[in-house]
Amino acid sequence: MIGPVHLRNRRGDPIDPIPFLVTTGLAFALVFSFGPLYGLAYGLSLSAALALSALGFVGVTIVAYRQLVRSAPPVGAGALPADLRFERLLYAGVVLGIAFLALTLPLL
């Protein structure tokens, strides 16, 4: 049986692992759903498209770990200020928009 996940930030404080696990799970689903198909559309072989998808997933996982685990506030720190939450939401929206734009390029 697998026990609970105990992640700690860079100060050693325990953090909530759910945002990191959800982010990496969604990244895996999206990258391996679209990555090989678009790799094939760009003329790559299936093995190269899968390797590029795996590399993309590793990159997203590293960024998510840095943002959601290493620099996360401890569980009992309270809510983040509204301006910081809005800034993070804005950056996430820009990244998502760029990702959607990149997904439409083979359709043009």
Protein backbone atom coordinates (compact mmCIF):
# COMPACT_ATOMS: atom_id res chain seq x y z
CA MET A 1 0.00 0.00 0.00
CA ILE A 2 1.24 3.46 -0.88
CA GLY A 3 1.22 5.92 2.00
CA PRO A 4 0.39 9.60 1.90
CA VAL A 5 2.68 11.95 0.03
CA HIS A 6 4.67 14.23 2.34
CA LEU A 7 6.12 17.12 0.38
CA ARG A 8 8.11 19.91 2.01
CA ASN A 9 9.06 23.34 0.73
CA ARG A 10 12.61 24.67 0.69
CA ARG A 11 12.34 25.70 4.35
CA GLY A 12 11.31 22.17 5.36
CA ASP A 13 7.69 23.06 6.15
CA PRO A 14 5.03 20.53 5.11
CA ILE A 15 2.83 21.65 2.21
CA ASP A 16 -0.37 20.48 0.54
CA PRO A 17 0.64 18.07 -2.27
CA ILE A 18 -2.71 18.17 -4.10
CA PRO A 19 -2.03 21.20 -6.40
CA PHE A 20 1.26 19.65 -7.56
CA LEU A 21 -0.28 16.21 -8.12
CA VAL A 22 -3.26 17.62 -10.02
CA THR A 23 -1.04 19.84 -12.16
CA THR A 24 1.31 17.03 -13.12
CA GLY A 25 -1.59 14.66 -13.77
CA LEU A 26 -3.28 17.15 -16.08
CA ALA A 27 0.03 17.94 -17.76
CA PHE A 28 0.61 14.24 -18.41
CA ALA A 29 -2.88 13.84 -19.89
CA LEU A 30 -2.61 16.90 -22.12
CA VAL A 31 0.96 16.40 -23.28
CA PHE A 32 0.53 12.76 -24.17
CA SER A 33 -2.89 13.36 -25.73
CA PHE A 34 -1.81 16.12 -28.07
CA GLY A 35 1.98 15.81 -28.26
CA PRO A 36 2.33 12.67 -30.39
CA LEU A 37 -0.50 13.70 -32.72
CA TYR A 38 0.98 17.12 -33.35
CA GLY A 39 4.46 15.67 -33.63
CA LEU A 40 3.21 13.40 -36.38
CA ALA A 41 1.45 16.37 -38.01
CA TYR A 42 4.78 18.21 -38.09
CA GLY A 43 6.41 15.21 -39.79
CA LEU A 44 8.21 13.62 -36.84
CA SER A 45 8.36 9.87 -36.38
CA LEU A 46 6.21 8.36 -33.65
CA SER A 47 9.21 7.63 -31.43
CA ALA A 48 10.50 11.19 -31.83
CA ALA A 49 7.04 12.62 -31.10
CA LEU A 50 6.75 10.48 -27.97
CA ALA A 51 10.25 11.47 -26.85
CA LEU A 52 9.46 15.15 -27.39
CA SER A 53 6.20 14.74 -25.47
CA ALA A 54 8.07 13.10 -22.60
CA LEU A 55 10.58 15.96 -22.61
CA GLY A 56 7.73 18.47 -22.52
CA PHE A 57 6.11 16.64 -19.62
CA VAL A 58 9.40 16.61 -17.68
CA GLY A 59 9.74 20.35 -18.28
CA VAL A 60 6.22 21.07 -17.05
CA THR A 61 6.80 18.85 -14.01
CA ILE A 62 10.02 20.68 -13.12
CA VAL A 63 8.32 24.07 -13.36
CA ALA A 64 5.33 22.83 -11.35
CA TYR A 65 7.61 21.39 -8.65
CA ARG A 66 9.50 24.66 -8.39
CA GLN A 67 6.35 26.76 -8.20
CA LEU A 68 4.03 24.51 -6.21
CA VAL A 69 6.42 22.66 -3.90
CA ARG A 70 9.77 24.38 -3.44
CA SER A 71 8.42 27.93 -3.14
CA ALA A 72 5.05 27.05 -1.56
CA PRO A 73 4.04 28.59 1.74
CA PRO A 74 3.44 26.17 4.63
CA VAL A 75 -0.05 24.75 5.18
CA GLY A 76 -0.81 26.99 8.16
CA ALA A 77 0.41 30.23 6.54
CA GLY A 78 -3.06 31.38 5.53
CA ALA A 79 -4.29 32.63 2.18
CA LEU A 80 -2.08 34.45 -0.30
CA PRO A 81 -2.77 38.15 -0.82
CA ALA A 82 -5.30 38.92 -3.55
CA ASP A 83 -2.82 40.80 -5.76
CA LEU A 84 -0.40 37.87 -5.77
CA ARG A 85 -3.20 35.40 -6.58
CA PHE A 86 -4.37 37.65 -9.45
CA GLU A 87 -0.83 37.94 -10.81
CA ARG A 88 -0.43 34.15 -10.79
CA LEU A 89 -3.82 33.74 -12.48
CA LEU A 90 -2.83 36.27 -15.14
CA TYR A 91 0.45 34.47 -15.86
CA ALA A 92 -1.34 31.12 -16.02
CA GLY A 93 -3.84 32.60 -18.50
CA VAL A 94 -1.05 33.92 -20.73
CA VAL A 95 0.72 30.56 -20.70
CA LEU A 96 -2.53 28.73 -21.46
CA GLY A 97 -3.27 31.14 -24.32
CA ILE A 98 0.18 30.54 -25.81
CA ALA A 99 -0.32 26.78 -25.47
CA PHE A 100 -3.69 26.96 -27.27
CA LEU A 101 -2.15 29.10 -30.00
CA ALA A 102 0.63 26.54 -30.43
CA LEU A 103 -1.96 23.76 -30.67
CA THR A 104 -3.75 25.53 -33.53
CA LEU A 105 -0.64 26.09 -35.69
CA PRO A 106 -0.87 22.75 -37.53
CA LEU A 107 -4.50 23.54 -38.40
CA LEU A 108 -3.61 26.71 -40.35
